[in-house]
């Protein structure tokens, strides 16, 4: 269901940026699970370029049981840009959840005006994809913008509305990257580094996907995938306590 979204992202990335592969441990890059009714395959990719320090995306294909496309793009530390977050999940054709957002690192008004407000005209075109759903695992006021797309939807809306909305959001994000001015003051850089680390920590501790990974690939693999790939700047809770 979401393969066209992955392919569009790849096409955009390779046509716009001088990408270099970031290494992924082989057991995390590709894995097949035989648990459950249908085998599940998970595959991940990771790149970097001068503007973006980490571009990661993952696809889970469990046939009709599950189709999941997840990606986070982290700007290099000299840019205070928001992160681009993509999370599209389909469990059969009747349970589809989509999340797409520029995830702000800071909440001050100048920052939001510069990086978040430009999303408003796009968001206004896709009200059906901006439902007032409750966030069960996250604080909607932390690392989410007022203009995120967040909806339970159906296959037809995925094709007719989500795909064009996705293309427009990505196009706007590239514009923000192109216009971004690098920070040079050490205090500014330290603030950005801390904000991105805090994002990883927050996400690793709350990401509901860990339960899904457990069910398909086991707890040990899931923990390694969470902390060695998805949110590698996070410290595992056990390690924090010790």
C-alpha atoms as a PDB file:
ATOM      1  CA  UNK A   1       0.000   0.000   0.000  1.00  0.00           C
ATOM      2  CA  UNK A   2       2.770   2.480   0.885  1.00  0.00           C
ATOM      3  CA  UNK A   3       5.467   1.396  -1.581  1.00  0.00           C
ATOM      4  CA  UNK A   4       4.739   4.407  -3.868  1.00  0.00           C
ATOM      5  CA  UNK A   5       5.448   6.688  -0.894  1.00  0.00           C
ATOM      6  CA  UNK A   6       8.821   5.059  -0.280  1.00  0.00           C
ATOM      7  CA  UNK A   7       9.684   5.200  -3.976  1.00  0.00           C
ATOM      8  CA  UNK A   8       8.751   8.885  -4.191  1.00  0.00           C
ATOM      9  CA  UNK A   9      10.904   9.715  -1.185  1.00  0.00           C
ATOM     10  CA  UNK A  10      13.873   7.822  -2.639  1.00  0.00           C
ATOM     11  CA  UNK A  11      13.497   9.520  -6.004  1.00  0.00           C
ATOM     12  CA  UNK A  12      13.377  12.948  -4.374  1.00  0.00           C
ATOM     13  CA  UNK A  13      16.342  12.283  -2.103  1.00  0.00           C
ATOM     14  CA  UNK A  14      18.626  10.924  -4.812  1.00  0.00           C
ATOM     15  CA  UNK A  15      17.749  13.683  -7.276  1.00  0.00           C
ATOM     16  CA  UNK A  16      18.260  16.532  -4.784  1.00  0.00           C
ATOM     17  CA  UNK A  17      21.072  15.527  -2.453  1.00  0.00           C
ATOM     18  CA  UNK A  18      24.541  14.022  -2.638  1.00  0.00           C
ATOM     19  CA  UNK A  19      23.757  11.014  -0.475  1.00  0.00           C
ATOM     20  CA  UNK A  20      26.187   8.738   1.306  1.00  0.00           C
ATOM     21  CA  UNK A  21      25.030   5.471   2.856  1.00  0.00           C
ATOM     22  CA  UNK A  22      25.126   5.206   6.626  1.00  0.00           C
ATOM     23  CA  UNK A  23      25.973   1.668   7.715  1.00  0.00           C
ATOM     24  CA  UNK A  24      23.264  -0.476   9.286  1.00  0.00           C
ATOM     25  CA  UNK A  25      24.017  -3.722  11.108  1.00  0.00           C
ATOM     26  CA  UNK A  26      23.040  -6.535   8.690  1.00  0.00           C
ATOM     27  CA  UNK A  27      20.566  -8.111  11.122  1.00  0.00           C
ATOM     28  CA  UNK A  28      18.818  -4.737  11.479  1.00  0.00           C
ATOM     29  CA  UNK A  29      18.891  -3.834   7.786  1.00  0.00           C
ATOM     30  CA  UNK A  30      16.818  -6.819   6.699  1.00  0.00           C
ATOM     31  CA  UNK A  31      14.905  -9.420   8.643  1.00  0.00           C
ATOM     32  CA  UNK A  32      12.169 -11.974   7.978  1.00  0.00           C
ATOM     33  CA  UNK A  33       9.867 -13.277  10.686  1.00  0.00           C
ATOM     34  CA  UNK A  34       7.872 -16.480  10.445  1.00  0.00           C
ATOM     35  CA  UNK A  35       5.837 -15.722  13.562  1.00  0.00           C
ATOM     36  CA  UNK A  36       2.088 -15.324  13.336  1.00  0.00           C
ATOM     37  CA  UNK A  37      -0.199 -16.159  10.441  1.00  0.00           C
ATOM     38  CA  UNK A  38       1.824 -14.359   7.757  1.00  0.00           C
ATOM     39  CA  UNK A  39       5.589 -13.964   7.431  1.00  0.00           C
ATOM     40  CA  UNK A  40       6.727 -10.377   7.928  1.00  0.00           C
ATOM     41  CA  UNK A  41       9.654  -8.761   6.163  1.00  0.00           C
ATOM     42  CA  UNK A  42      11.303  -5.596   7.475  1.00  0.00           C
ATOM     43  CA  UNK A  43      13.873  -3.622   5.475  1.00  0.00           C
ATOM     44  CA  UNK A  44      15.584  -0.345   6.337  1.00  0.00           C
ATOM     45  CA  UNK A  45      17.723   2.249   4.592  1.00  0.00           C
ATOM     46  CA  UNK A  46      19.854   5.072   5.976  1.00  0.00           C
ATOM     47  CA  UNK A  47      21.736   7.947   4.315  1.00  0.00           C
ATOM     48  CA  UNK A  48      23.391  11.255   5.069  1.00  0.00           C
ATOM     49  CA  UNK A  49      24.371  14.365   3.133  1.00  0.00           C
ATOM     50  CA  UNK A  50      25.782  17.803   3.985  1.00  0.00           C
ATOM     51  CA  UNK A  51      22.345  19.175   4.871  1.00  0.00           C
ATOM     52  CA  UNK A  52      20.845  16.108   6.552  1.00  0.00           C
ATOM     53  CA  UNK A  53      22.803  14.036   9.037  1.00  0.00           C
ATOM     54  CA  UNK A  54      20.440  11.061   9.157  1.00  0.00           C
ATOM     55  CA  UNK A  55      17.789  10.015   6.661  1.00  0.00           C
ATOM     56  CA  UNK A  56      16.230   6.766   7.730  1.00  0.00           C
ATOM     57  CA  UNK A  57      13.239   4.870   6.451  1.00  0.00           C
ATOM     58  CA  UNK A  58      11.804   1.434   7.064  1.00  0.00           C
ATOM     59  CA  UNK A  59       9.196  -0.727   5.374  1.00  0.00           C
ATOM     60  CA  UNK A  60       7.375  -3.662   6.967  1.00  0.00           C
ATOM     61  CA  UNK A  61       5.556  -5.976   4.590  1.00  0.00           C
ATOM     62  CA  UNK A  62       3.379  -8.644   6.157  1.00  0.00           C
ATOM     63  CA  UNK A  63       1.052  -9.002   3.197  1.00  0.00           C
ATOM     64  CA  UNK A  64      -2.560  -8.155   3.903  1.00  0.00           C
ATOM     65  CA  UNK A  65      -1.915  -8.321   7.645  1.00  0.00           C
ATOM     66  CA  UNK A  66       0.336  -5.250   7.836  1.00  0.00           C
ATOM     67  CA  UNK A  67       1.957  -2.665   5.607  1.00  0.00           C
ATOM     68  CA  UNK A  68       4.030  -0.001   7.413  1.00  0.00           C
ATOM     69  CA  UNK A  69       6.203   2.828   6.127  1.00  0.00           C
ATOM     70  CA  UNK A  70       8.149   4.873   8.670  1.00  0.00           C
ATOM     71  CA  UNK A  71      10.752   7.580   8.185  1.00  0.00           C
ATOM     72  CA  UNK A  72      12.473  10.341  10.134  1.00  0.00           C
ATOM     73  CA  UNK A  73      14.833  12.871   8.582  1.00  0.00           C
ATOM     74  CA  UNK A  74      17.271  14.632  10.923  1.00  0.00           C
ATOM     75  CA  UNK A  75      18.892  17.878   9.727  1.00  0.00           C
ATOM     76  CA  UNK A  76      22.585  18.356  10.392  1.00  0.00           C
ATOM     77  CA  UNK A  77      23.304  19.971  13.728  1.00  0.00           C
ATOM     78  CA  UNK A  78      24.123  23.372  12.285  1.00  0.00           C
ATOM     79  CA  UNK A  79      20.494  23.720  11.179  1.00  0.00           C
ATOM     80  CA  UNK A  80      17.662  24.208  13.659  1.00  0.00           C
ATOM     81  CA  UNK A  81      15.118  22.813  11.197  1.00  0.00           C
ATOM     82  CA  UNK A  82      12.307  20.578  12.447  1.00  0.00           C
ATOM     83  CA  UNK A  83      12.537  16.853  11.784  1.00  0.00           C
ATOM     84  CA  UNK A  84      10.435  15.355   9.005  1.00  0.00           C
ATOM     85  CA  UNK A  85       8.388  12.522  10.472  1.00  0.00           C
ATOM     86  CA  UNK A  86       6.388   9.983   8.456  1.00  0.00           C
ATOM     87  CA  UNK A  87       4.429   7.063   9.913  1.00  0.00           C
ATOM     88  CA  UNK A  88       1.898   5.225   7.742  1.00  0.00           C
ATOM     89  CA  UNK A  89       0.376   2.008   9.066  1.00  0.00           C
ATOM     90  CA  UNK A  90      -2.174  -0.336   7.504  1.00  0.00           C
ATOM     91  CA  UNK A  91      -3.444  -3.432   9.319  1.00  0.00           C
ATOM     92  CA  UNK A  92      -5.716  -4.796   6.643  1.00  0.00           C
ATOM     93  CA  UNK A  93      -7.810  -2.379   4.604  1.00  0.00           C
ATOM     94  CA  UNK A  94     -10.049  -1.203   7.436  1.00  0.00           C
ATOM     95  CA  UNK A  95      -7.446  -0.141   9.983  1.00  0.00           C
ATOM     96  CA  UNK A  96      -5.200   2.509   8.451  1.00  0.00           C
ATOM     97  CA  UNK A  97      -3.483   5.209  10.500  1.00  0.00           C
ATOM     98  CA  UNK A  98      -1.355   7.973   8.979  1.00  0.00           C
ATOM     99  CA  UNK A  99       0.884  10.586  10.607  1.00  0.00           C
ATOM    100  CA  UNK A 100       2.912  13.199   8.723  1.00  0.00           C
ATOM    101  CA  UNK A 101       4.515  16.251  10.295  1.00  0.00           C
ATOM    102  CA  UNK A 102       7.400  18.678  10.567  1.00  0.00           C
ATOM    103  CA  UNK A 103       8.372  17.914  14.160  1.00  0.00           C
ATOM    104  CA  UNK A 104       9.534  21.122  15.863  1.00  0.00           C
ATOM    105  CA  UNK A 105      12.630  21.051  18.049  1.00  0.00           C
ATOM    106  CA  UNK A 106      11.652  24.307  19.746  1.00  0.00           C
ATOM    107  CA  UNK A 107       8.364  26.032  20.592  1.00  0.00           C
ATOM    108  CA  UNK A 108       9.211  29.755  20.578  1.00  0.00           C
ATOM    109  CA  UNK A 109       7.025  31.933  18.354  1.00  0.00           C
ATOM    110  CA  UNK A 110       9.798  32.974  15.925  1.00  0.00           C
ATOM    111  CA  UNK A 111      10.730  29.350  15.328  1.00  0.00           C
ATOM    112  CA  UNK A 112       7.138  28.277  14.751  1.00  0.00           C
ATOM    113  CA  UNK A 113       6.507  31.203  12.421  1.00  0.00           C
ATOM    114  CA  UNK A 114       9.606  30.404  10.366  1.00  0.00           C
ATOM    115  CA  UNK A 115       9.338  26.643  10.067  1.00  0.00           C
ATOM    116  CA  UNK A 116       5.821  25.550  11.022  1.00  0.00           C
ATOM    117  CA  UNK A 117       3.414  28.230   9.766  1.00  0.00           C
ATOM    118  CA  UNK A 118       4.369  27.579   6.095  1.00  0.00           C
ATOM    119  CA  UNK A 119       2.609  24.219   6.470  1.00  0.00           C
ATOM    120  CA  UNK A 120      -0.772  25.851   7.145  1.00  0.00           C
ATOM    121  CA  UNK A 121      -1.923  26.335   3.507  1.00  0.00           C
ATOM    122  CA  UNK A 122      -1.163  22.695   2.672  1.00  0.00           C
ATOM    123  CA  UNK A 123      -2.849  21.415   5.829  1.00  0.00           C
ATOM    124  CA  UNK A 124      -5.969  23.474   5.007  1.00  0.00           C
ATOM    125  CA  UNK A 125      -6.395  21.555   1.740  1.00  0.00           C
ATOM    126  CA  UNK A 126      -6.553  18.153   3.431  1.00  0.00           C
ATOM    127  CA  UNK A 127      -9.008  18.430   6.319  1.00  0.00           C
ATOM    128  CA  UNK A 128     -10.019  14.804   5.923  1.00  0.00           C
ATOM    129  CA  UNK A 129      -6.456  13.841   6.880  1.00  0.00           C
ATOM    130  CA  UNK A 130      -6.345  16.145   9.912  1.00  0.00           C
ATOM    131  CA  UNK A 131      -8.691  14.494  12.357  1.00  0.00           C
ATOM    132  CA  UNK A 132      -8.853  15.425  16.017  1.00  0.00           C
ATOM    133  CA  UNK A 133      -7.664  12.050  17.251  1.00  0.00           C
ATOM    134  CA  UNK A 134      -6.359  11.419  20.738  1.00  0.00           C
ATOM    135  CA  UNK A 135      -2.642  10.689  21.029  1.00  0.00           C
ATOM    136  CA  UNK A 136      -2.357   7.687  23.320  1.00  0.00           C
ATOM    137  CA  UNK A 137       1.434   7.491  23.555  1.00  0.00           C
ATOM    138  CA  UNK A 138       2.662  11.043  22.969  1.00  0.00           C
ATOM    139  CA  UNK A 139       2.081  14.577  24.182  1.00  0.00           C
ATOM    140  CA  UNK A 140       0.560  16.419  21.210  1.00  0.00           C
ATOM    141  CA  UNK A 141       2.272  19.618  22.386  1.00  0.00           C
ATOM    142  CA  UNK A 142       5.746  18.098  22.260  1.00  0.00           C
ATOM    143  CA  UNK A 143       7.456  17.365  18.936  1.00  0.00           C
ATOM    144  CA  UNK A 144       4.220  17.787  17.003  1.00  0.00           C
ATOM    145  CA  UNK A 145       2.969  20.816  15.096  1.00  0.00           C
ATOM    146  CA  UNK A 146      -0.555  22.237  14.810  1.00  0.00           C
ATOM    147  CA  UNK A 147      -0.512  21.310  11.123  1.00  0.00           C
ATOM    148  CA  UNK A 148       0.282  17.620  11.282  1.00  0.00           C
ATOM    149  CA  UNK A 149      -1.732  15.161   9.247  1.00  0.00           C
ATOM    150  CA  UNK A 150      -3.119  12.566  11.653  1.00  0.00           C
ATOM    151  CA  UNK A 151      -6.009  10.388  10.570  1.00  0.00           C
ATOM    152  CA  UNK A 152      -7.689   7.028  10.469  1.00  0.00           C
ATOM    153  CA  UNK A 153      -8.517   6.509   6.842  1.00  0.00           C
ATOM    154  CA  UNK A 154      -9.117   4.071   3.982  1.00  0.00           C
ATOM    155  CA  UNK A 155      -7.256   2.842   0.879  1.00  0.00           C
ATOM    156  CA  UNK A 156      -9.062   5.232  -1.485  1.00  0.00           C
ATOM    157  CA  UNK A 157      -8.155   8.292   0.611  1.00  0.00           C
ATOM    158  CA  UNK A 158      -4.566   7.079   0.827  1.00  0.00           C
ATOM    159  CA  UNK A 159      -4.345   7.199  -2.956  1.00  0.00           C
ATOM    160  CA  UNK A 160      -6.477  10.253  -3.674  1.00  0.00           C
ATOM    161  CA  UNK A 161      -5.519  12.555  -0.802  1.00  0.00           C
ATOM    162  CA  UNK A 162      -2.621  11.259   1.269  1.00  0.00           C
ATOM    163  CA  UNK A 163      -0.245  10.822  -1.654  1.00  0.00           C
ATOM    164  CA  UNK A 164      -0.623  14.382  -3.031  1.00  0.00           C
ATOM    165  CA  UNK A 165      -0.516  15.819   0.511  1.00  0.00           C
ATOM    166  CA  UNK A 166       2.652  13.826   1.182  1.00  0.00           C
ATOM    167  CA  UNK A 167       4.251  15.161  -1.996  1.00  0.00           C
ATOM    168  CA  UNK A 168       3.411  18.750  -1.033  1.00  0.00           C
ATOM    169  CA  UNK A 169       4.715  18.398   2.514  1.00  0.00           C
ATOM    170  CA  UNK A 170       7.974  16.901   1.275  1.00  0.00           C
ATOM    171  CA  UNK A 171       8.361  19.613  -1.355  1.00  0.00           C
ATOM    172  CA  UNK A 172       7.929  22.298   1.316  1.00  0.00           C
ATOM    173  CA  UNK A 173      10.443  20.564   3.574  1.00  0.00           C
ATOM    174  CA  UNK A 174      13.069  20.623   0.815  1.00  0.00           C
ATOM    175  CA  UNK A 175      12.421  24.361   0.421  1.00  0.00           C
ATOM    176  CA  UNK A 176      13.016  24.930   4.118  1.00  0.00           C
ATOM    177  CA  UNK A 177      16.230  22.898   3.939  1.00  0.00           C
ATOM    178  CA  UNK A 178      17.392  24.936   0.952  1.00  0.00           C
ATOM    179  CA  UNK A 179      16.659  28.248   2.692  1.00  0.00           C
ATOM    180  CA  UNK A 180      18.102  27.281   6.084  1.00  0.00           C
ATOM    181  CA  UNK A 181      21.089  29.264   7.307  1.00  0.00           C
ATOM    182  CA  UNK A 182      23.722  27.337   9.252  1.00  0.00           C
ATOM    183  CA  UNK A 183      24.299  28.222  12.886  1.00  0.00           C
ATOM    184  CA  UNK A 184      27.869  28.891  13.925  1.00  0.00           C
ATOM    185  CA  UNK A 185      27.739  29.825  17.619  1.00  0.00           C
ATOM    186  CA  UNK A 186      28.698  26.943  19.894  1.00  0.00           C
ATOM    187  CA  UNK A 187      25.741  27.640  22.204  1.00  0.00           C
ATOM    188  CA  UNK A 188      23.343  27.400  19.249  1.00  0.00           C
ATOM    189  CA  UNK A 189      24.890  24.148  18.050  1.00  0.00           C
ATOM    190  CA  UNK A 190      24.794  22.648  21.548  1.00  0.00           C
ATOM    191  CA  UNK A 191      21.119  23.602  21.846  1.00  0.00           C
ATOM    192  CA  UNK A 192      20.289  21.843  18.577  1.00  0.00           C
ATOM    193  CA  UNK A 193      22.329  18.739  19.471  1.00  0.00           C
ATOM    194  CA  UNK A 194      20.547  18.492  22.822  1.00  0.00           C
ATOM    195  CA  UNK A 195      17.129  18.983  21.207  1.00  0.00           C
ATOM    196  CA  UNK A 196      17.727  16.153  18.724  1.00  0.00           C
ATOM    197  CA  UNK A 197      19.028  13.855  21.466  1.00  0.00           C
ATOM    198  CA  UNK A 198      16.015  14.686  23.617  1.00  0.00           C
ATOM    199  CA  UNK A 199      13.768  13.818  20.665  1.00  0.00           C
ATOM    200  CA  UNK A 200      15.392  10.391  20.342  1.00  0.00           C
ATOM    201  CA  UNK A 201      15.098   9.747  24.066  1.00  0.00           C
ATOM    202  CA  UNK A 202      11.462  10.816  24.190  1.00  0.00           C
ATOM    203  CA  UNK A 203      10.591   8.748  21.115  1.00  0.00           C
ATOM    204  CA  UNK A 204      12.455   5.600  22.188  1.00  0.00           C
ATOM    205  CA  UNK A 205      10.645   5.577  25.526  1.00  0.00           C
ATOM    206  CA  UNK A 206       7.177   6.006  23.986  1.00  0.00           C
ATOM    207  CA  UNK A 207       7.215   4.513  20.499  1.00  0.00           C
ATOM    208  CA  UNK A 208       4.321   2.011  20.359  1.00  0.00           C
ATOM    209  CA  UNK A 209       5.969   0.240  17.407  1.00  0.00           C
ATOM    210  CA  UNK A 210       8.267  -1.594  19.827  1.00  0.00           C
ATOM    211  CA  UNK A 211       5.360  -3.889  20.686  1.00  0.00           C
ATOM    212  CA  UNK A 212       4.842  -4.645  16.996  1.00  0.00           C
ATOM    213  CA  UNK A 213       8.553  -5.366  16.528  1.00  0.00           C
ATOM    214  CA  UNK A 214       8.430  -7.677  19.554  1.00  0.00           C
ATOM    215  CA  UNK A 215       5.553  -9.657  18.112  1.00  0.00           C
ATOM    216  CA  UNK A 216       7.277 -10.192  14.788  1.00  0.00           C
ATOM    217  CA  UNK A 217      10.984 -10.323  15.611  1.00  0.00           C
ATOM    218  CA  UNK A 218      11.327 -10.850  19.373  1.00  0.00           C
ATOM    219  CA  UNK A 219      12.270  -8.601  22.271  1.00  0.00           C
ATOM    220  CA  UNK A 220      16.053  -8.707  21.854  1.00  0.00           C
ATOM    221  CA  UNK A 221      15.937  -7.726  18.182  1.00  0.00           C
ATOM    222  CA  UNK A 222      13.298  -5.074  18.884  1.00  0.00           C
ATOM    223  CA  UNK A 223      15.399  -3.384  21.577  1.00  0.00           C
ATOM    224  CA  UNK A 224      18.459  -3.386  19.345  1.00  0.00           C
ATOM    225  CA  UNK A 225      16.487  -1.952  16.411  1.00  0.00           C
ATOM    226  CA  UNK A 226      15.009   0.761  18.620  1.00  0.00           C
ATOM    227  CA  UNK A 227      18.279   1.910  20.200  1.00  0.00           C
ATOM    228  CA  UNK A 228      20.877   1.056  17.545  1.00  0.00           C
ATOM    229  CA  UNK A 229      18.965   2.277  14.505  1.00  0.00           C
ATOM    230  CA  UNK A 230      15.688   4.133  14.974  1.00  0.00           C
ATOM    231  CA  UNK A 231      16.699   6.316  17.928  1.00  0.00           C
ATOM    232  CA  UNK A 232      20.410   5.743  18.276  1.00  0.00           C
ATOM    233  CA  UNK A 233      20.979   8.827  20.451  1.00  0.00           C
ATOM    234  CA  UNK A 234      18.604   7.485  23.093  1.00  0.00           C
ATOM    235  CA  UNK A 235      19.903   5.749  26.184  1.00  0.00           C
ATOM    236  CA  UNK A 236      18.089   2.549  27.117  1.00  0.00           C
ATOM    237  CA  UNK A 237      16.093   2.901  30.327  1.00  0.00           C
ATOM    238  CA  UNK A 238      18.073   0.171  32.103  1.00  0.00           C
ATOM    239  CA  UNK A 239      21.329   1.875  31.157  1.00  0.00           C
ATOM    240  CA  UNK A 240      20.028   5.233  32.419  1.00  0.00           C
ATOM    241  CA  UNK A 241      19.173   3.737  35.820  1.00  0.00           C
ATOM    242  CA  UNK A 242      22.565   2.098  36.185  1.00  0.00           C
END
